[in-house]
Amino acid sequence: MQMLSTEKTEITFIQEPYFYQNKPKGMTNGYRTYTHGEGKSRAAIIIISNDTIDVLLISQFSDNDTVLLEIHKRTQNILCS
C-alpha cells in the first residue's frame, strides 16, 4: 500500500492477495478492492477511490483466478482482467 500511494497508482493488479476471514487484508480506506465472490480469491484489482473513476465488476466472466472490471474514467472505457 505504501508503494501504491507513493507512485500515485490508480489501478493495481494483485496476484495471490492475503485473506483473513474471507476478506482481503492490508488495503487502506482510500482504495476499493475487487475480487470474485465471497471467500478466498487468487486475483484482485485495487482501484483508488475518487469521483472520476466508475467501476463495474463483471461477475459472469470472473472466477477465483480472474477478475474482470469495466472501468469508466472521464471519456475512456477500459476493460481490465
Protein backbone atom coordinates (compact mmCIF):
# COMPACT_ATOMS: atom_id res chain seq x y z
CA MET A 1 0.00 0.00 0.00
CA GLN A 2 2.92 2.34 0.64
CA MET A 3 4.18 1.82 -2.92
CA LEU A 4 0.70 2.48 -4.35
CA SER A 5 0.39 5.79 -2.51
CA THR A 6 3.97 6.84 -3.32
CA GLU A 7 3.61 6.07 -7.04
CA LYS A 8 0.06 7.53 -7.22
CA THR A 9 -1.17 4.33 -8.92
CA GLU A 10 -4.87 4.36 -9.85
CA ILE A 11 -5.28 0.72 -10.94
CA THR A 12 -3.27 -2.17 -9.48
CA PHE A 13 -3.47 -5.88 -10.22
CA ILE A 14 -2.75 -8.21 -7.29
CA GLN A 15 -1.91 -11.87 -7.58
CA GLU A 16 -2.44 -14.10 -4.52
CA PRO A 17 -3.77 -11.38 -2.15
CA TYR A 18 -3.67 -12.10 1.59
CA PHE A 19 -7.08 -13.02 3.01
CA TYR A 20 -8.19 -13.14 6.62
CA GLN A 21 -11.72 -14.33 7.48
CA ASN A 22 -12.54 -14.41 3.75
CA LYS A 23 -11.70 -10.71 3.23
CA PRO A 24 -8.58 -9.23 1.61
CA LYS A 25 -6.38 -7.58 4.23
CA GLY A 26 -3.89 -4.74 4.16
CA MET A 27 -5.93 -2.37 1.96
CA THR A 28 -6.42 1.17 3.23
CA ASN A 29 -9.63 3.19 3.08
CA GLY A 30 -8.53 5.22 0.06
CA TYR A 31 -8.79 2.21 -2.24
CA ARG A 32 -11.54 -0.12 -3.49
CA THR A 33 -10.69 -3.83 -3.78
CA TYR A 34 -12.43 -6.10 -6.29
CA THR A 35 -12.37 -9.89 -6.10
CA HIS A 36 -14.74 -12.59 -7.33
CA GLY A 37 -17.49 -13.65 -4.95
CA GLU A 38 -17.15 -14.42 -1.28
CA GLY A 39 -14.18 -16.19 0.20
CA LYS A 40 -10.60 -16.52 -0.90
CA SER A 41 -9.62 -15.47 -4.40
CA ARG A 42 -6.29 -15.73 -6.19
CA ALA A 43 -6.75 -12.45 -8.06
CA ALA A 44 -7.72 -8.90 -7.09
CA ILE A 45 -7.81 -5.45 -8.66
CA ILE A 46 -7.31 -2.40 -6.44
CA ILE A 47 -8.56 0.99 -7.62
CA ILE A 48 -8.05 4.33 -5.93
CA SER A 49 -11.29 5.80 -4.58
CA ASN A 50 -12.18 9.01 -6.34
CA ASP A 51 -15.10 10.60 -8.20
CA THR A 52 -13.56 10.32 -11.69
CA ILE A 53 -13.46 6.50 -11.83
CA ASP A 54 -16.61 4.37 -12.10
CA VAL A 55 -16.16 0.60 -11.85
CA LEU A 56 -18.42 -2.33 -12.69
CA LEU A 57 -17.44 -5.88 -11.71
CA ILE A 58 -18.43 -8.30 -14.49
CA SER A 59 -19.01 -11.37 -12.32
CA GLN A 60 -20.20 -13.75 -15.07
CA PHE A 61 -16.66 -13.64 -16.56
CA SER A 62 -14.82 -13.57 -13.22
CA ASP A 63 -13.72 -16.50 -11.09
CA ASN A 64 -11.18 -17.26 -8.34
CA ASP A 65 -8.30 -16.74 -10.79
CA THR A 66 -9.69 -13.84 -12.84
CA VAL A 67 -11.37 -10.54 -12.03
CA LEU A 68 -12.96 -8.66 -14.94
CA LEU A 69 -13.82 -4.98 -14.48
CA GLU A 70 -15.31 -2.37 -16.75
CA ILE A 71 -13.81 0.99 -15.83
CA HIS A 72 -15.10 4.38 -16.93
CA LYS A 73 -12.74 7.31 -16.43
CA ARG A 74 -13.89 10.59 -17.90
CA THR A 75 -14.18 9.76 -21.61
CA GLN A 76 -12.25 6.47 -21.51
CA ASN A 77 -13.74 2.97 -21.21
CA ILE A 78 -11.34 0.24 -20.08
CA LEU A 79 -11.75 -3.49 -19.53
CA CYS A 80 -9.30 -4.97 -17.00
CA SER A 81 -8.70 -8.60 -16.16
